[in-house]
Protein backbone atom coordinates (compact mmCIF):
# COMPACT_ATOMS: atom_id res chain seq x y z
CA MET A 1 98.76 15.03 127.93
CA VAL A 2 102.37 15.71 125.77
CA GLY A 3 102.96 17.65 122.99
CA TYR A 4 105.72 16.84 120.10
CA ASN A 5 106.72 17.61 116.94
CA GLY A 6 103.22 18.92 116.17
CA ALA A 7 100.92 16.40 117.36
CA ILE A 8 99.08 15.52 120.74
CA TYR A 9 100.05 12.42 122.90
CA VAL A 10 97.91 11.13 125.38
CA ILE A 11 99.18 8.73 128.38
CA GLU A 12 96.78 6.71 130.34
CA GLY A 13 96.91 5.63 133.99
CA ASP A 14 98.17 2.27 132.57
CA PHE A 15 101.26 3.99 130.46
CA ASN A 16 99.16 3.24 127.13
CA VAL A 17 99.56 5.75 124.67
CA GLY A 18 97.27 7.60 122.06
CA VAL A 19 97.16 10.11 119.44
CA PRO A 20 93.79 12.15 119.44
CA ARG A 21 91.34 11.98 116.62
CA ASP A 22 91.19 16.09 115.81
CA ASN A 23 94.85 18.05 116.77
CA TYR A 24 93.65 18.78 120.33
CA TYR A 25 92.38 17.48 123.56
CA ALA A 26 91.56 18.41 126.73
CA ILE A 27 91.52 16.45 129.95
CA GLY A 28 90.34 17.17 133.78
CA GLY A 29 86.60 18.05 134.98
CA GLY A 30 86.04 20.72 132.26
CA SER A 31 86.85 18.96 129.37
CA PRO A 32 83.31 18.31 127.81
CA PHE A 33 83.69 22.09 128.06
CA ALA A 34 86.91 22.95 126.14
CA PHE A 35 86.17 20.02 123.81
CA GLY A 36 83.40 21.82 122.56
CA SER A 37 85.27 25.25 122.46
CA LEU A 38 88.14 24.01 120.67
CA HIS A 39 85.81 21.70 118.53
CA SER A 40 83.69 25.07 117.46
CA THR A 41 86.95 26.78 116.80
CA ARG A 42 88.94 24.80 114.50
CA GLY A 43 89.65 26.16 111.47
CA SER A 44 89.35 29.61 112.59
CA SER A 45 91.53 32.07 112.28
CA LEU A 46 92.09 32.44 115.70
CA THR A 47 96.06 31.60 117.28
CA PRO A 48 96.60 28.14 119.40
CA VAL A 49 97.03 30.56 122.30
CA GLN A 50 93.48 32.26 121.80
CA ARG A 51 91.95 28.99 121.46
CA VAL A 52 93.62 27.34 124.31
CA THR A 53 92.43 30.37 126.49
CA MET A 54 88.85 30.32 124.82
CA ALA A 55 88.75 27.09 126.18
CA LEU A 56 90.11 27.27 129.62
CA GLU A 57 87.23 30.39 130.04
CA ALA A 58 84.24 28.13 128.26
CA ALA A 59 85.51 24.99 131.05
CA ALA A 60 86.04 27.87 133.70
CA ALA A 61 82.07 29.34 133.13
CA TYR A 62 80.43 26.12 133.81
CA LYS A 63 82.23 23.80 135.84
CA ALA A 64 82.91 24.51 139.51
CA GLY A 65 85.85 23.35 140.05
CA VAL A 66 87.65 25.06 136.83
CA ARG A 67 88.83 28.55 137.73
CA GLY A 68 91.66 30.65 136.93
CA PRO A 69 94.49 32.16 136.47
CA PHE A 70 95.43 30.22 133.83
CA THR A 71 98.83 29.93 132.68
CA ILE A 72 99.78 28.97 129.35
CA LEU A 73 103.08 27.41 128.55
CA GLN A 74 104.95 27.36 124.69
CA LEU A 75 107.71 26.44 124.08
CA PRO A 76 109.74 28.43 120.98
CA GLU A 77 109.98 26.75 117.64
CA ASP A 78 113.25 24.83 117.42
CA GLU A 79 114.63 26.50 114.24
CA THR A 80 115.70 23.30 112.65
CA THR A 81 112.42 21.75 112.37
CA GLN A 82 111.46 24.83 110.49
């Protein structure tokens, strides 16, 4: 999964590149729970980091193989694209 210029791209094992229908995506064993969280918070006033944190916490609560601590990386915005 790659985020670039405000869009998400999903790169599959066969190098097929897809663009999700919604502007969020989840991968891994906890993805069904993360998807549910992300869907329920779309259009909310939460920041992207808050939404991702909630999605990770939901996945950890319901999938035995998902555990924190989680690291969320956010690159600074490029001033030329603002």
